[in-house]
Amino acid sequence: MTVLLFLIPIALFLGGLGLFGFLWCMRSGQFDDLDGAAQRILFDDEPGDAR
């Protein structure tokens, strides 16, 4: 039963750390353009490739 005194604060700390990381990603714009990177890989935008 005394192990819960260690596990509960550790679980709360890890949960808070995950929440902090998620909020930081949201505020820095990591999730703004989810489709752009997936579509960008399909097209070549090299300037010398125009035919």
PDB file of N, CA and C in Angstrom:
ATOM      1  N   MET A   1       0.818  -1.194   0.000  1.00  0.00           N
ATOM      2  CA  MET A   1       0.000   0.000   0.000  1.00  0.00           C
ATOM      3  C   MET A   1       0.864   1.261   0.000  1.00  0.00           C
ATOM      4  N   THR A   2       2.036   1.182   0.571  1.00  0.00           N
ATOM      5  CA  THR A   2       2.897   2.362   0.598  1.00  0.00           C
ATOM      6  C   THR A   2       3.485   2.658  -0.780  1.00  0.00           C
ATOM      7  N   VAL A   3       3.459   1.668  -1.670  1.00  0.00           N
ATOM      8  CA  VAL A   3       3.978   1.909  -3.019  1.00  0.00           C
ATOM      9  C   VAL A   3       3.086   2.901  -3.772  1.00  0.00           C
ATOM     10  N   LEU A   4       1.812   2.999  -3.390  1.00  0.00           N
ATOM     11  CA  LEU A   4       0.911   3.964  -4.009  1.00  0.00           C
ATOM     12  C   LEU A   4       1.328   5.397  -3.699  1.00  0.00           C
ATOM     13  N   LEU A   5       1.987   5.596  -2.562  1.00  0.00           N
ATOM     14  CA  LEU A   5       2.471   6.932  -2.229  1.00  0.00           C
ATOM     15  C   LEU A   5       3.544   7.402  -3.206  1.00  0.00           C
ATOM     16  N   PHE A   6       4.209   6.466  -3.860  1.00  0.00           N
ATOM     17  CA  PHE A   6       5.213   6.810  -4.868  1.00  0.00           C
ATOM     18  C   PHE A   6       4.617   6.807  -6.276  1.00  0.00           C
ATOM     19  N   LEU A   7       3.746   5.869  -6.564  1.00  0.00           N
ATOM     20  CA  LEU A   7       3.235   5.706  -7.916  1.00  0.00           C
ATOM     21  C   LEU A   7       2.249   6.797  -8.319  1.00  0.00           C
ATOM     22  N   ILE A   8       1.413   7.242  -7.416  1.00  0.00           N
ATOM     23  CA  ILE A   8       0.417   8.264  -7.754  1.00  0.00           C
ATOM     24  C   ILE A   8       1.087   9.596  -8.100  1.00  0.00           C
ATOM     25  N   PRO A   9       2.035  10.104  -7.326  1.00  0.00           N
ATOM     26  CA  PRO A   9       2.697  11.354  -7.736  1.00  0.00           C
ATOM     27  C   PRO A   9       3.498  11.202  -9.029  1.00  0.00           C
ATOM     28  N   ILE A  10       4.112  10.046  -9.226  1.00  0.00           N
ATOM     29  CA  ILE A  10       4.856   9.827 -10.470  1.00  0.00           C
ATOM     30  C   ILE A  10       3.902   9.829 -11.661  1.00  0.00           C
ATOM     31  N   ALA A  11       2.745   9.176 -11.528  1.00  0.00           N
ATOM     32  CA  ALA A  11       1.760   9.146 -12.607  1.00  0.00           C
ATOM     33  C   ALA A  11       1.212  10.539 -12.878  1.00  0.00           C
ATOM     34  N   LEU A  12       0.953  11.310 -11.844  1.00  0.00           N
ATOM     35  CA  LEU A  12       0.475  12.680 -12.031  1.00  0.00           C
ATOM     36  C   LEU A  12       1.533  13.554 -12.694  1.00  0.00           C
ATOM     37  N   PHE A  13       2.775  13.367 -12.319  1.00  0.00           N
ATOM     38  CA  PHE A  13       3.860  14.132 -12.934  1.00  0.00           C
ATOM     39  C   PHE A  13       4.000  13.788 -14.412  1.00  0.00           C
ATOM     40  N   LEU A  14       3.963  12.508 -14.758  1.00  0.00           N
ATOM     41  CA  LEU A  14       4.083  12.109 -16.163  1.00  0.00           C
ATOM     42  C   LEU A  14       2.881  12.579 -16.977  1.00  0.00           C
ATOM     43  N   GLY A  15       1.698  12.538 -16.393  1.00  0.00           N
ATOM     44  CA  GLY A  15       0.521  13.051 -17.079  1.00  0.00           C
ATOM     45  C   GLY A  15       0.610  14.549 -17.321  1.00  0.00           C
ATOM     46  N   GLY A  16       1.075  15.278 -16.323  1.00  0.00           N
ATOM     47  CA  GLY A  16       1.269  16.724 -16.474  1.00  0.00           C
ATOM     48  C   GLY A  16       2.348  17.049 -17.501  1.00  0.00           C
ATOM     49  N   LEU A  17       3.392  16.242 -17.536  1.00  0.00           N
ATOM     50  CA  LEU A  17       4.452  16.431 -18.521  1.00  0.00           C
ATOM     51  C   LEU A  17       3.920  16.205 -19.938  1.00  0.00           C
ATOM     52  N   GLY A  18       3.107  15.189 -20.102  1.00  0.00           N
ATOM     53  CA  GLY A  18       2.494  14.931 -21.407  1.00  0.00           C
ATOM     54  C   GLY A  18       1.542  16.054 -21.809  1.00  0.00           C
ATOM     55  N   LEU A  19       0.765  16.559 -20.875  1.00  0.00           N
ATOM     56  CA  LEU A  19      -0.141  17.667 -21.154  1.00  0.00           C
ATOM     57  C   LEU A  19       0.636  18.929 -21.514  1.00  0.00           C
ATOM     58  N   PHE A  20       1.716  19.186 -20.806  1.00  0.00           N
ATOM     59  CA  PHE A  20       2.555  20.343 -21.118  1.00  0.00           C
ATOM     60  C   PHE A  20       3.142  20.218 -22.517  1.00  0.00           C
ATOM     61  N   GLY A  21       3.622  19.031 -22.871  1.00  0.00           N
ATOM     62  CA  GLY A  21       4.173  18.820 -24.204  1.00  0.00           C
ATOM     63  C   GLY A  21       3.132  18.998 -25.294  1.00  0.00           C
ATOM     64  N   PHE A  22       1.922  18.513 -25.063  1.00  0.00           N
ATOM     65  CA  PHE A  22       0.848  18.667 -26.028  1.00  0.00           C
ATOM     66  C   PHE A  22       0.471  20.124 -26.208  1.00  0.00           C
ATOM     67  N   LEU A  23       0.334  20.863 -25.113  1.00  0.00           N
ATOM     68  CA  LEU A  23      -0.018  22.274 -25.208  1.00  0.00           C
ATOM     69  C   LEU A  23       1.089  23.082 -25.878  1.00  0.00           C
ATOM     70  N   TRP A  24       2.325  22.732 -25.625  1.00  0.00           N
ATOM     71  CA  TRP A  24       3.441  23.412 -26.272  1.00  0.00           C
ATOM     72  C   TRP A  24       3.411  23.179 -27.779  1.00  0.00           C
ATOM     73  N   CYS A  25       3.103  21.954 -28.196  1.00  0.00           N
ATOM     74  CA  CYS A  25       3.002  21.662 -29.631  1.00  0.00           C
ATOM     75  C   CYS A  25       1.842  22.411 -30.265  1.00  0.00           C
ATOM     76  N   MET A  26       0.739  22.517 -29.557  1.00  0.00           N
ATOM     77  CA  MET A  26      -0.411  23.237 -30.101  1.00  0.00           C
ATOM     78  C   MET A  26      -0.096  24.729 -30.271  1.00  0.00           C
ATOM     79  N   ARG A  27       0.575  25.320 -29.312  1.00  0.00           N
ATOM     80  CA  ARG A  27       0.870  26.753 -29.380  1.00  0.00           C
ATOM     81  C   ARG A  27       1.970  27.076 -30.370  1.00  0.00           C
ATOM     82  N   SER A  28       2.872  26.135 -30.638  1.00  0.00           N
ATOM     83  CA  SER A  28       3.959  26.410 -31.580  1.00  0.00           C
ATOM     84  C   SER A  28       3.571  26.101 -33.018  1.00  0.00           C
ATOM     85  N   GLY A  29       2.351  25.606 -33.243  1.00  0.00           N
ATOM     86  CA  GLY A  29       1.865  25.405 -34.603  1.00  0.00           C
ATOM     87  C   GLY A  29       2.239  24.088 -35.227  1.00  0.00           C
ATOM     88  N   GLN A  30       2.511  23.074 -34.447  1.00  0.00           N
ATOM     89  CA  GLN A  30       2.897  21.775 -34.984  1.00  0.00           C
ATOM     90  C   GLN A  30       1.757  21.079 -35.718  1.00  0.00           C
ATOM     91  N   PHE A  31       0.519  21.379 -35.373  1.00  0.00           N
ATOM     92  CA  PHE A  31      -0.628  20.681 -35.947  1.00  0.00           C
ATOM     93  C   PHE A  31      -1.419  21.569 -36.904  1.00  0.00           C
ATOM     94  N   ASP A  32      -0.835  22.654 -37.404  1.00  0.00           N
ATOM     95  CA  ASP A  32      -1.573  23.571 -38.259  1.00  0.00           C
ATOM     96  C   ASP A  32      -1.855  22.989 -39.644  1.00  0.00           C
ATOM     97  N   ASP A  33      -0.862  22.402 -40.287  1.00  0.00           N
ATOM     98  CA  ASP A  33      -1.010  21.918 -41.654  1.00  0.00           C
ATOM     99  C   ASP A  33      -0.690  20.430 -41.702  1.00  0.00           C
ATOM    100  N   LEU A  34      -1.697  19.594 -41.473  1.00  0.00           N
ATOM    101  CA  LEU A  34      -1.467  18.155 -41.442  1.00  0.00           C
ATOM    102  C   LEU A  34      -1.395  17.554 -42.839  1.00  0.00           C
ATOM    103  N   ASP A  35      -2.089  18.142 -43.813  1.00  0.00           N
ATOM    104  CA  ASP A  35      -2.113  17.576 -45.158  1.00  0.00           C
ATOM    105  C   ASP A  35      -1.005  18.118 -46.046  1.00  0.00           C
ATOM    106  N   GLY A  36      -0.405  19.223 -45.684  1.00  0.00           N
ATOM    107  CA  GLY A  36       0.616  19.845 -46.534  1.00  0.00           C
ATOM    108  C   GLY A  36       1.832  18.970 -46.738  1.00  0.00           C
ATOM    109  N   ALA A  37       2.351  18.387 -45.691  1.00  0.00           N
ATOM    110  CA  ALA A  37       3.536  17.552 -45.817  1.00  0.00           C
ATOM    111  C   ALA A  37       3.243  16.269 -46.578  1.00  0.00           C
ATOM    112  N   ALA A  38       2.037  15.746 -46.420  1.00  0.00           N
ATOM    113  CA  ALA A  38       1.674  14.523 -47.131  1.00  0.00           C
ATOM    114  C   ALA A  38       1.531  14.774 -48.629  1.00  0.00           C
ATOM    115  N   GLN A  39       1.071  15.947 -49.024  1.00  0.00           N
ATOM    116  CA  GLN A  39       0.915  16.252 -50.444  1.00  0.00           C
ATOM    117  C   GLN A  39       2.195  16.803 -51.058  1.00  0.00           C
ATOM    118  N   ARG A  40       3.025  17.429 -50.269  1.00  0.00           N
ATOM    119  CA  ARG A  40       4.258  18.017 -50.779  1.00  0.00           C
ATOM    120  C   ARG A  40       5.226  16.966 -51.297  1.00  0.00           C
ATOM    121  N   ILE A  41       5.184  15.777 -50.730  1.00  0.00           N
ATOM    122  CA  ILE A  41       6.110  14.740 -51.149  1.00  0.00           C
ATOM    123  C   ILE A  41       5.740  14.173 -52.519  1.00  0.00           C
ATOM    124  N   LEU A  42       4.509  14.379 -52.942  1.00  0.00           N
ATOM    125  CA  LEU A  42       4.055  13.833 -54.218  1.00  0.00           C
ATOM    126  C   LEU A  42       4.448  14.686 -55.413  1.00  0.00           C
ATOM    127  N   PHE A  43       4.758  15.935 -55.222  1.00  0.00           N
ATOM    128  CA  PHE A  43       5.023  16.857 -56.314  1.00  0.00           C
ATOM    129  C   PHE A  43       6.466  17.332 -56.296  1.00  0.00           C
ATOM    130  N   ASP A  44       7.081  17.370 -57.480  1.00  0.00           N
ATOM    131  CA  ASP A  44       8.431  17.925 -57.612  1.00  0.00           C
ATOM    132  C   ASP A  44       8.317  19.398 -57.952  1.00  0.00           C
ATOM    133  N   ASP A  45       8.926  20.235 -57.169  1.00  0.00           N
ATOM    134  CA  ASP A  45       8.866  21.682 -57.391  1.00  0.00           C
ATOM    135  C   ASP A  45      10.239  22.247 -57.763  1.00  0.00           C
ATOM    136  N   GLU A  46      11.020  21.469 -58.484  1.00  0.00           N
ATOM    137  CA  GLU A  46      12.334  21.959 -58.864  1.00  0.00           C
ATOM    138  C   GLU A  46      12.190  22.937 -60.023  1.00  0.00           C
ATOM    139  N   PRO A  47      12.890  24.088 -59.988  1.00  0.00           N
ATOM    140  CA  PRO A  47      12.691  25.112 -61.006  1.00  0.00           C
ATOM    141  C   PRO A  47      13.163  24.683 -62.403  1.00  0.00           C
ATOM    142  N   GLY A  48      14.138  23.814 -62.544  1.00  0.00           N
ATOM    143  CA  GLY A  48      14.648  23.406 -63.848  1.00  0.00           C
ATOM    144  C   GLY A  48      13.878  22.263 -64.465  1.00  0.00           C
ATOM    145  N   ASP A  49      12.782  21.838 -63.878  1.00  0.00           N
ATOM    146  CA  ASP A  49      12.063  20.663 -64.361  1.00  0.00           C
ATOM    147  C   ASP A  49      10.839  21.027 -65.207  1.00  0.00           C
ATOM    148  N   ALA A  50      10.662  22.301 -65.567  1.00  0.00           N
ATOM    149  CA  ALA A  50       9.490  22.717 -66.346  1.00  0.00           C
ATOM    150  C   ALA A  50       9.686  22.313 -67.808  1.00  0.00           C
ATOM    151  N   ARG A  51       8.769  21.508 -68.348  1.00  0.00           N
ATOM    152  CA  ARG A  51       8.858  21.046 -69.745  1.00  0.00           C
ATOM    153  C   ARG A  51       7.677  21.481 -70.517  1.00  0.00           C
TER     154      ARG A  51
END
